[in-house]
Amino acid sequence: MSQLQKGLIFAVIQIVFVASLGAKLLWDRGRLPRGWAATQGYDPDLPIRGRYISVTLLVNADKIFSDAAQSQAHPPSAYGPWNVYLTVENGKIVANPADHYTGLTVSVPTARPGETLASLSPPVIYFLPEHAADPIRGRPVGSVFMEATIPRKGPPRPIRLGTQINGRIVPADSQ
């Protein structure tokens, strides 16, 4: 077998690996639940890592920090962090208390009218086109929303950004 044939076989194997990962992510996006969460961004552009924004999602934490949750046998502290798993209810990402390690935690609850939000850790990374403006810089915390897919394990996978207009979240690409 010549060096050219070995190189072509290796290239085909690499293409199959990359294509299978892309297919898996598209498959997951079509079948897994997806929801919106308010955002808190930081670290918008580091040349060594590329053009992205690192985003902390502010998820609904009523089931963790509500008065009913605090009256349980193991009342949560307002300072967490608390191990959680995520679900989607009414189009919004909701943190639920987990009885096992999930790799996801919430902390620092913030009261908003009608809901309690908490910072989800670890943050998610949203890649930006090369010349696009940072959509979070200069905006108040929680004014930009992110739609994300909720996998069974691991952090949410970002899909797109949006803003709230007249009580409804509108994707940024349709504004």
N, C-alpha and C. Protein backbone atom coordinates (compact mmCIF):
# COMPACT_ATOMS: atom_id res chain seq x y z
N MET A 1 0.86 -1.17 0.00
CA MET A 1 0.00 0.00 0.00
C MET A 1 0.90 1.24 0.00
N SER A 2 0.64 2.15 -0.90
CA SER A 2 1.48 3.34 -1.02
C SER A 2 1.13 4.38 0.04
N GLN A 3 2.02 5.34 0.19
CA GLN A 3 1.78 6.43 1.15
C GLN A 3 0.52 7.21 0.77
N LEU A 4 0.27 7.39 -0.52
CA LEU A 4 -0.93 8.12 -0.97
C LEU A 4 -2.20 7.37 -0.55
N GLN A 5 -2.21 6.05 -0.73
CA GLN A 5 -3.38 5.27 -0.35
C GLN A 5 -3.61 5.31 1.16
N LYS A 6 -2.54 5.21 1.94
CA LYS A 6 -2.66 5.30 3.40
C LYS A 6 -3.19 6.67 3.81
N GLY A 7 -2.69 7.71 3.17
CA GLY A 7 -3.15 9.07 3.46
C GLY A 7 -4.62 9.25 3.13
N LEU A 8 -5.06 8.71 1.99
CA LEU A 8 -6.46 8.83 1.60
C LEU A 8 -7.37 8.06 2.56
N ILE A 9 -6.94 6.87 2.97
CA ILE A 9 -7.73 6.09 3.94
C ILE A 9 -7.84 6.85 5.25
N PHE A 10 -6.75 7.42 5.71
CA PHE A 10 -6.76 8.20 6.96
C PHE A 10 -7.69 9.42 6.82
N ALA A 11 -7.64 10.11 5.68
CA ALA A 11 -8.50 11.28 5.45
C ALA A 11 -9.98 10.88 5.46
N VAL A 12 -10.29 9.74 4.83
CA VAL A 12 -11.68 9.27 4.81
C VAL A 12 -12.15 8.95 6.23
N ILE A 13 -11.30 8.31 7.02
CA ILE A 13 -11.67 7.98 8.41
C ILE A 13 -11.92 9.26 9.21
N GLN A 14 -11.09 10.27 9.05
CA GLN A 14 -11.28 11.54 9.75
C GLN A 14 -12.59 12.21 9.33
N ILE A 15 -12.89 12.19 8.04
CA ILE A 15 -14.13 12.79 7.54
C ILE A 15 -15.34 12.06 8.12
N VAL A 16 -15.27 10.74 8.20
CA VAL A 16 -16.37 9.96 8.78
C VAL A 16 -16.57 10.32 10.25
N PHE A 17 -15.47 10.47 11.00
CA PHE A 17 -15.58 10.85 12.42
C PHE A 17 -16.25 12.21 12.57
N VAL A 18 -15.81 13.19 11.81
CA VAL A 18 -16.37 14.54 11.92
C VAL A 18 -17.83 14.55 11.49
N ALA A 19 -18.13 13.87 10.39
CA ALA A 19 -19.51 13.81 9.91
C ALA A 19 -20.43 13.11 10.92
N SER A 20 -19.93 12.05 11.57
CA SER A 20 -20.77 11.35 12.55
C SER A 20 -21.05 12.24 13.77
N LEU A 21 -20.08 13.03 14.19
CA LEU A 21 -20.32 13.95 15.30
C LEU A 21 -21.37 15.00 14.91
N GLY A 22 -21.22 15.57 13.71
CA GLY A 22 -22.22 16.54 13.24
C GLY A 22 -23.61 15.93 13.14
N ALA A 23 -23.68 14.70 12.64
CA ALA A 23 -24.98 14.01 12.53
C ALA A 23 -25.58 13.77 13.91
N LYS A 24 -24.74 13.38 14.88
CA LYS A 24 -25.25 13.15 16.23
C LYS A 24 -25.81 14.43 16.84
N LEU A 25 -25.09 15.55 16.67
CA LEU A 25 -25.57 16.81 17.22
C LEU A 25 -26.87 17.25 16.55
N LEU A 26 -26.99 17.08 15.24
CA LEU A 26 -28.24 17.41 14.55
C LEU A 26 -29.38 16.49 15.00
N TRP A 27 -29.09 15.22 15.18
CA TRP A 27 -30.09 14.26 15.67
C TRP A 27 -30.57 14.67 17.06
N ASP A 28 -29.62 14.99 17.95
CA ASP A 28 -29.97 15.42 19.30
C ASP A 28 -30.80 16.69 19.28
N ARG A 29 -30.43 17.65 18.42
CA ARG A 29 -31.17 18.90 18.36
C ARG A 29 -32.61 18.67 17.94
N GLY A 30 -32.85 17.68 17.11
CA GLY A 30 -34.21 17.39 16.64
C GLY A 30 -35.05 16.62 17.63
N ARG A 31 -34.44 15.83 18.53
CA ARG A 31 -35.24 14.98 19.39
C ARG A 31 -35.18 15.32 20.88
N LEU A 32 -34.15 16.04 21.32
CA LEU A 32 -34.05 16.38 22.75
C LEU A 32 -34.83 17.66 23.05
N PRO A 33 -35.24 17.83 24.32
CA PRO A 33 -35.96 19.06 24.67
C PRO A 33 -35.05 20.28 24.51
N ARG A 34 -35.67 21.40 24.17
CA ARG A 34 -34.93 22.66 24.05
C ARG A 34 -35.74 23.75 24.72
N GLY A 35 -35.02 24.68 25.32
CA GLY A 35 -35.69 25.76 26.03
C GLY A 35 -34.83 27.00 26.07
N TRP A 36 -35.41 28.07 26.59
CA TRP A 36 -34.75 29.37 26.67
C TRP A 36 -34.33 29.65 28.11
N ALA A 37 -33.22 30.37 28.25
CA ALA A 37 -32.75 30.81 29.57
C ALA A 37 -32.12 32.19 29.41
N ALA A 38 -32.28 33.02 30.43
CA ALA A 38 -31.62 34.33 30.44
C ALA A 38 -30.11 34.09 30.53
N THR A 39 -29.33 35.08 30.12
CA THR A 39 -27.88 34.91 30.09
C THR A 39 -27.14 35.98 30.88
N GLN A 40 -25.95 35.60 31.26
CA GLN A 40 -24.99 36.53 31.85
C GLN A 40 -23.67 36.19 31.17
N GLY A 41 -23.16 37.09 30.35
CA GLY A 41 -21.97 36.79 29.57
C GLY A 41 -20.71 37.37 30.16
N TYR A 42 -19.58 36.75 29.79
CA TYR A 42 -18.28 37.25 30.17
C TYR A 42 -17.26 36.67 29.19
N ASP A 43 -16.03 37.18 29.21
CA ASP A 43 -14.95 36.66 28.39
C ASP A 43 -15.30 36.64 26.90
N PRO A 44 -15.61 37.79 26.31
CA PRO A 44 -16.14 37.78 24.95
C PRO A 44 -15.15 37.43 23.85
N ASP A 45 -13.85 37.72 24.00
CA ASP A 45 -12.96 37.51 22.88
C ASP A 45 -11.53 37.31 23.37
N LEU A 46 -11.06 36.10 23.36
CA LEU A 46 -9.67 35.83 23.68
C LEU A 46 -8.99 35.31 22.42
N PRO A 47 -8.00 36.02 21.90
CA PRO A 47 -7.38 35.62 20.64
C PRO A 47 -6.83 34.20 20.64
N ILE A 48 -6.35 33.73 21.77
CA ILE A 48 -5.76 32.40 21.81
C ILE A 48 -6.82 31.30 21.66
N ARG A 49 -8.08 31.58 22.01
CA ARG A 49 -9.11 30.56 21.95
C ARG A 49 -10.14 30.78 20.84
N GLY A 50 -10.09 31.89 20.16
CA GLY A 50 -11.05 32.12 19.09
C GLY A 50 -12.13 33.11 19.50
N ARG A 51 -13.09 33.29 18.62
CA ARG A 51 -14.15 34.28 18.80
C ARG A 51 -15.40 33.61 19.34
N TYR A 52 -15.62 33.76 20.60
CA TYR A 52 -16.81 33.19 21.22
C TYR A 52 -17.17 34.02 22.44
N ILE A 53 -18.37 33.76 22.95
CA ILE A 53 -18.75 34.34 24.22
C ILE A 53 -19.00 33.19 25.18
N SER A 54 -18.50 33.33 26.37
CA SER A 54 -18.74 32.34 27.42
C SER A 54 -19.93 32.85 28.22
N VAL A 55 -20.96 32.04 28.32
CA VAL A 55 -22.24 32.48 28.85
C VAL A 55 -22.67 31.63 30.04
N THR A 56 -23.02 32.29 31.12
CA THR A 56 -23.66 31.61 32.24
C THR A 56 -25.16 31.72 32.03
N LEU A 57 -25.84 30.58 32.04
CA LEU A 57 -27.30 30.58 31.90
C LEU A 57 -27.94 30.83 33.25
N LEU A 58 -28.95 31.66 33.27
CA LEU A 58 -29.73 31.93 34.47
C LEU A 58 -31.02 31.12 34.35
N VAL A 59 -31.06 29.98 35.02
CA VAL A 59 -32.18 29.06 34.88
C VAL A 59 -33.18 29.23 36.01
N ASN A 60 -34.41 28.83 35.76
CA ASN A 60 -35.46 28.90 36.77
C ASN A 60 -35.12 27.92 37.89
N ALA A 61 -35.03 28.42 39.12
CA ALA A 61 -34.65 27.59 40.26
C ALA A 61 -35.70 27.60 41.36
N ASP A 62 -36.96 27.80 40.99
CA ASP A 62 -38.04 27.81 41.98
C ASP A 62 -38.12 26.51 42.77
N LYS A 63 -37.81 25.38 42.12
CA LYS A 63 -37.91 24.08 42.79
C LYS A 63 -36.78 23.84 43.78
N ILE A 64 -35.78 24.70 43.77
CA ILE A 64 -34.64 24.54 44.68
C ILE A 64 -34.68 25.58 45.79
N PHE A 65 -34.97 26.81 45.45
CA PHE A 65 -34.89 27.91 46.41
C PHE A 65 -36.25 28.43 46.88
N SER A 66 -37.34 27.73 46.57
CA SER A 66 -38.66 28.18 47.00
C SER A 66 -38.86 27.87 48.49
N ASP A 67 -39.89 28.44 49.06
CA ASP A 67 -40.21 28.19 50.47
C ASP A 67 -40.50 26.71 50.70
N ALA A 68 -41.18 26.03 49.76
CA ALA A 68 -41.50 24.61 49.91
C ALA A 68 -40.22 23.78 49.91
N ALA A 69 -39.27 24.11 49.03
CA ALA A 69 -38.00 23.36 48.98
C ALA A 69 -37.19 23.59 50.24
N GLN A 70 -37.25 24.78 50.80
CA GLN A 70 -36.46 25.08 51.99
C GLN A 70 -37.01 24.40 53.23
N SER A 71 -38.27 23.95 53.20
CA SER A 71 -38.85 23.28 54.35
C SER A 71 -38.58 21.77 54.34
N GLN A 72 -37.87 21.27 53.32
CA GLN A 72 -37.55 19.84 53.26
C GLN A 72 -36.53 19.48 54.33
N ALA A 73 -36.25 18.18 54.43
CA ALA A 73 -35.32 17.70 55.45
C ALA A 73 -33.91 18.27 55.26
N HIS A 74 -33.50 18.51 54.04
CA HIS A 74 -32.19 19.08 53.75
C HIS A 74 -32.39 20.42 53.07
N PRO A 75 -32.68 21.45 53.83
CA PRO A 75 -32.97 22.74 53.20
C PRO A 75 -31.76 23.31 52.47
N PRO A 76 -31.95 23.79 51.25
CA PRO A 76 -30.83 24.37 50.52
C PRO A 76 -30.45 25.72 51.07
N SER A 77 -29.19 26.01 50.99
CA SER A 77 -28.69 27.32 51.39
C SER A 77 -28.82 28.26 50.21
N ALA A 78 -28.94 29.52 50.48
CA ALA A 78 -29.04 30.50 49.40
C ALA A 78 -27.72 30.64 48.66
N TYR A 79 -26.66 30.03 49.18
CA TYR A 79 -25.36 30.21 48.56
C TYR A 79 -24.89 29.01 47.77
N GLY A 80 -25.60 27.87 47.80
CA GLY A 80 -25.29 26.70 47.00
C GLY A 80 -23.82 26.35 47.02
N PRO A 81 -23.26 25.76 46.03
CA PRO A 81 -23.94 25.30 44.82
C PRO A 81 -24.71 24.01 45.07
N TRP A 82 -25.76 23.82 44.30
CA TRP A 82 -26.60 22.65 44.46
C TRP A 82 -26.60 21.84 43.19
N ASN A 83 -26.43 20.54 43.34
CA ASN A 83 -26.41 19.61 42.23
C ASN A 83 -27.81 19.53 41.62
N VAL A 84 -27.89 19.67 40.29
CA VAL A 84 -29.20 19.72 39.63
C VAL A 84 -29.20 18.90 38.33
N TYR A 85 -30.39 18.62 37.86
CA TYR A 85 -30.59 18.16 36.49
C TYR A 85 -31.57 19.14 35.86
N LEU A 86 -31.56 19.23 34.54
CA LEU A 86 -32.36 20.24 33.85
C LEU A 86 -33.53 19.61 33.11
N THR A 87 -34.65 20.35 33.08
CA THR A 87 -35.81 19.99 32.28
C THR A 87 -36.27 21.27 31.58
N VAL A 88 -37.25 21.11 30.70
CA VAL A 88 -37.85 22.26 30.03
C VAL A 88 -39.33 22.28 30.38
N GLU A 89 -39.79 23.42 30.89
CA GLU A 89 -41.20 23.61 31.21
C GLU A 89 -41.66 24.93 30.63
N ASN A 90 -42.71 24.89 29.85
CA ASN A 90 -43.26 26.08 29.20
C ASN A 90 -42.20 26.83 28.40
N GLY A 91 -41.31 26.08 27.74
CA GLY A 91 -40.30 26.68 26.90
C GLY A 91 -39.10 27.27 27.63
N LYS A 92 -39.04 27.10 28.95
CA LYS A 92 -37.93 27.65 29.73
C LYS A 92 -37.16 26.52 30.41
N ILE A 93 -35.85 26.72 30.56
CA ILE A 93 -35.00 25.74 31.22
C ILE A 93 -35.18 25.85 32.72
N VAL A 94 -35.43 24.71 33.38
CA VAL A 94 -35.71 24.66 34.80
C VAL A 94 -34.72 23.72 35.49
N ALA A 95 -34.15 24.17 36.61
CA ALA A 95 -33.26 23.35 37.42
C ALA A 95 -34.08 22.59 38.44
N ASN A 96 -33.79 21.30 38.58
CA ASN A 96 -34.46 20.43 39.54
C ASN A 96 -33.40 19.82 40.45
N PRO A 97 -33.69 19.67 41.76
CA PRO A 97 -32.69 19.08 42.65
C PRO A 97 -32.39 17.64 42.25
N ALA A 98 -31.11 17.29 42.20
CA ALA A 98 -30.70 15.94 41.84
C ALA A 98 -30.17 15.23 43.08
N ASP A 99 -30.43 13.93 43.16
CA ASP A 99 -29.95 13.15 44.30
C ASP A 99 -28.64 12.42 43.97
N HIS A 100 -28.10 12.68 42.79
CA HIS A 100 -26.82 12.09 42.38
C HIS A 100 -26.01 13.14 41.63
N TYR A 101 -24.72 12.88 41.44
CA TYR A 101 -23.85 13.84 40.77
C TYR A 101 -24.20 13.92 39.29
N THR A 102 -24.43 15.14 38.80
CA THR A 102 -24.75 15.35 37.39
C THR A 102 -23.71 16.20 36.67
N GLY A 103 -22.85 16.86 37.42
CA GLY A 103 -21.89 17.77 36.80
C GLY A 103 -22.45 19.17 36.60
N LEU A 104 -23.72 19.37 36.93
CA LEU A 104 -24.36 20.68 36.81
C LEU A 104 -24.73 21.18 38.20
N THR A 105 -24.44 22.44 38.46
CA THR A 105 -24.82 23.04 39.75
C THR A 105 -25.43 24.40 39.52
N VAL A 106 -26.22 24.84 40.49
CA VAL A 106 -26.76 26.21 40.48
C VAL A 106 -26.38 26.88 41.79
N SER A 107 -26.25 28.18 41.73
CA SER A 107 -25.95 28.96 42.93
C SER A 107 -26.40 30.39 42.70
N VAL A 108 -26.29 31.19 43.72
CA VAL A 108 -26.60 32.62 43.70
C VAL A 108 -27.99 32.89 43.13
N PRO A 109 -29.02 32.57 43.90
CA PRO A 109 -30.37 32.84 43.40
C PRO A 109 -30.64 34.33 43.30
N THR A 110 -31.42 34.69 42.28
CA THR A 110 -31.83 36.06 42.04
C THR A 110 -33.33 36.06 41.85
N ALA A 111 -34.02 36.89 42.61
CA ALA A 111 -35.48 36.95 42.49
C ALA A 111 -35.85 37.87 41.34
N ARG A 112 -36.77 37.41 40.51
CA ARG A 112 -37.39 38.19 39.44
C ARG A 112 -38.88 38.09 39.66
N PRO A 113 -39.64 39.01 39.17
CA PRO A 113 -41.09 38.91 39.36
C PRO A 113 -41.61 37.57 38.85
N GLY A 114 -42.15 36.76 39.77
CA GLY A 114 -42.75 35.49 39.41
C GLY A 114 -41.81 34.31 39.31
N GLU A 115 -40.50 34.50 39.49
CA GLU A 115 -39.58 33.36 39.41
C GLU A 115 -38.27 33.65 40.14
N THR A 116 -37.57 32.57 40.45
CA THR A 116 -36.25 32.67 41.05
C THR A 116 -35.26 32.11 40.05
N LEU A 117 -34.26 32.90 39.68
CA LEU A 117 -33.24 32.47 38.74
C LEU A 117 -31.95 32.17 39.48
N ALA A 118 -31.19 31.21 38.98
CA ALA A 118 -29.89 30.87 39.57
C ALA A 118 -28.89 30.64 38.46
N SER A 119 -27.62 30.92 38.75
CA SER A 119 -26.54 30.75 37.77
C SER A 119 -26.21 29.27 37.62
N LEU A 120 -26.24 28.80 36.39
CA LEU A 120 -25.90 27.41 36.10
C LEU A 120 -24.41 27.30 35.82
N SER A 121 -23.80 26.28 36.41
CA SER A 121 -22.39 26.03 36.16
C SER A 121 -22.26 24.59 35.68
N PRO A 122 -21.46 24.30 34.68
CA PRO A 122 -20.50 25.15 34.01
C PRO A 122 -21.16 26.04 32.97
N PRO A 123 -20.46 27.11 32.60
CA PRO A 123 -20.99 27.99 31.55
C PRO A 123 -20.95 27.29 30.19
N VAL A 124 -21.69 27.82 29.25
CA VAL A 124 -21.68 27.29 27.88
C VAL A 124 -20.95 28.28 26.98
N ILE A 125 -20.46 27.78 25.88
CA ILE A 125 -19.71 28.62 24.94
C ILE A 125 -20.53 28.75 23.66
N TYR A 126 -20.68 29.98 23.20
CA TYR A 126 -21.42 30.27 21.98
C TYR A 126 -20.47 30.93 20.99
N PHE A 127 -20.23 30.30 19.87
CA PHE A 127 -19.30 30.82 18.89
C PHE A 127 -19.97 31.90 18.04
N LEU A 128 -19.21 32.95 17.75
CA LEU A 128 -19.70 34.07 16.96
C LEU A 128 -19.01 34.09 15.60
N PRO A 129 -19.70 34.57 14.57
CA PRO A 129 -19.02 34.79 13.29
C PRO A 129 -17.90 35.82 13.46
N GLU A 130 -16.95 35.79 12.56
CA GLU A 130 -15.74 36.59 12.72
C GLU A 130 -15.99 38.08 12.93
N HIS A 131 -16.89 38.69 12.19
CA HIS A 131 -17.09 40.13 12.27
C HIS A 131 -18.39 40.53 12.96
N ALA A 132 -19.04 39.58 13.61
CA ALA A 132 -20.30 39.88 14.30
C ALA A 132 -20.02 40.62 15.60
N ALA A 133 -20.92 41.52 15.94
CA ALA A 133 -20.81 42.24 17.21
C ALA A 133 -21.18 41.31 18.36
N ASP A 134 -20.57 41.53 19.50
CA ASP A 134 -20.90 40.75 20.69
C ASP A 134 -22.32 41.13 21.13
N PRO A 135 -23.28 40.20 21.09
CA PRO A 135 -24.67 40.54 21.41
C PRO A 135 -24.93 40.75 22.89
N ILE A 136 -23.98 40.39 23.76
CA ILE A 136 -24.22 40.49 25.20
C ILE A 136 -23.52 41.69 25.81
N ARG A 137 -22.39 42.10 25.23
CA ARG A 137 -21.62 43.22 25.79
C ARG A 137 -22.47 44.50 25.84
N GLY A 138 -22.45 45.14 27.00
CA GLY A 138 -23.18 46.40 27.17
C GLY A 138 -24.66 46.24 27.44
N ARG A 139 -25.16 45.02 27.54
CA ARG A 139 -26.57 44.79 27.81
C ARG A 139 -26.73 44.33 29.25
N PRO A 140 -27.82 44.67 29.88
CA PRO A 140 -28.03 44.25 31.28
C PRO A 140 -28.12 42.72 31.39
N VAL A 141 -27.69 42.21 32.54
CA VAL A 141 -27.76 40.78 32.81
C VAL A 141 -29.21 40.32 32.69
N GLY A 142 -29.44 39.24 31.99
CA GLY A 142 -30.78 38.69 31.84
C GLY A 142 -31.60 39.29 30.73
N SER A 143 -31.04 40.22 29.95
CA SER A 143 -31.82 40.82 28.87
C SER A 143 -31.64 40.07 27.55
N VAL A 144 -30.61 39.27 27.45
CA VAL A 144 -30.39 38.43 26.27
C VAL A 144 -30.68 36.99 26.69
N PHE A 145 -31.38 36.26 25.85
CA PHE A 145 -31.75 34.88 26.14
C PHE A 145 -31.04 33.93 25.18
N MET A 146 -30.84 32.70 25.63
CA MET A 146 -30.22 31.69 24.79
C MET A 146 -31.13 30.47 24.74
N GLU A 147 -31.35 29.99 23.53
CA GLU A 147 -32.06 28.72 23.37
C GLU A 147 -31.01 27.63 23.36
N ALA A 148 -31.28 26.55 24.09
CA ALA A 148 -30.30 25.46 24.19
C ALA A 148 -31.01 24.12 24.20
N THR A 149 -30.32 23.11 23.70
CA THR A 149 -30.77 21.73 23.76
C THR A 149 -30.32 21.17 25.11
N ILE A 150 -31.17 20.38 25.75
CA ILE A 150 -30.87 19.81 27.06
C ILE A 150 -30.57 18.32 26.88
N PRO A 151 -29.28 17.93 26.85
CA PRO A 151 -28.95 16.51 26.73
C PRO A 151 -29.18 15.79 28.06
N ARG A 152 -29.17 14.46 28.02
CA ARG A 152 -29.36 13.69 29.26
C ARG A 152 -28.22 13.93 30.24
N LYS A 153 -27.00 14.05 29.72
CA LYS A 153 -25.82 14.30 30.54
C LYS A 153 -25.06 15.49 29.99
N GLY A 154 -24.46 16.24 30.88
CA GLY A 154 -23.63 17.36 30.45
C GLY A 154 -24.39 18.67 30.39
N PRO A 155 -23.65 19.73 30.07
CA PRO A 155 -24.27 21.06 30.03
C PRO A 155 -25.15 21.25 28.80
N PRO A 156 -26.02 22.26 28.84
CA PRO A 156 -26.86 22.55 27.67
C PRO A 156 -25.99 22.87 26.45
N ARG A 157 -26.52 22.59 25.28
CA ARG A 157 -25.84 22.88 24.02
C ARG A 157 -26.54 24.07 23.37
N PRO A 158 -25.83 25.21 23.24
CA PRO A 158 -26.47 26.42 22.72
C PRO A 158 -26.89 26.28 21.26
N ILE A 159 -28.02 26.92 20.94
CA ILE A 159 -28.53 26.91 19.57
C ILE A 159 -28.49 28.32 19.00
N ARG A 160 -29.16 29.26 19.70
CA ARG A 160 -29.23 30.64 19.19
C ARG A 160 -29.56 31.59 20.32
N LEU A 161 -29.37 32.87 20.04
CA LEU A 161 -29.67 33.93 21.00
C LEU A 161 -30.97 34.62 20.64
N GLY A 162 -31.56 35.28 21.61
CA GLY A 162 -32.78 36.04 21.38
C GLY A 162 -32.97 37.10 22.45
N THR A 163 -33.97 37.94 22.25
CA THR A 163 -34.30 38.97 23.23
C THR A 163 -35.80 38.90 23.51
N GLN A 164 -36.18 39.46 24.64
CA GLN A 164 -37.58 39.45 25.03
C GLN A 164 -38.24 40.73 24.52
N ILE A 165 -39.29 40.56 23.74
CA ILE A 165 -40.06 41.69 23.20
C ILE A 165 -41.52 41.45 23.54
N ASN A 166 -42.11 42.37 24.29
CA ASN A 166 -43.51 42.27 24.70
C ASN A 166 -43.81 40.93 25.39
N GLY A 167 -42.90 40.50 26.28
CA GLY A 167 -43.12 39.29 27.04
C GLY A 167 -42.87 38.00 26.29
N ARG A 168 -42.42 38.09 25.05
CA ARG A 168 -42.17 36.91 24.22
C ARG A 168 -40.72 36.92 23.76
N ILE A 169 -40.06 35.78 23.80
CA ILE A 169 -38.66 35.71 23.37
C ILE A 169 -38.61 35.56 21.86
N VAL A 170 -37.90 36.47 21.22
CA VAL A 170 -37.78 36.48 19.76
C VAL A 170 -36.33 36.17 19.40
N PRO A 171 -36.10 35.13 18.58
CA PRO A 171 -34.73 34.80 18.18
C PRO A 171 -34.07 35.98 17.47
N ALA A 172 -32.77 36.15 17.70
CA ALA A 172 -32.03 37.27 17.12
C ALA A 172 -32.00 37.22 15.60
N ASP A 173 -32.00 36.01 15.03
CA ASP A 173 -31.95 35.91 13.57
C ASP A 173 -33.26 36.30 12.88
N SER A 174 -34.34 36.46 13.63
CA SER A 174 -35.62 36.84 13.02
C SER A 174 -36.04 38.26 13.39
N GLN A 175 -35.14 39.04 14.01
CA GLN A 175 -35.50 40.41 14.39
C GLN A 175 -35.24 41.37 13.26
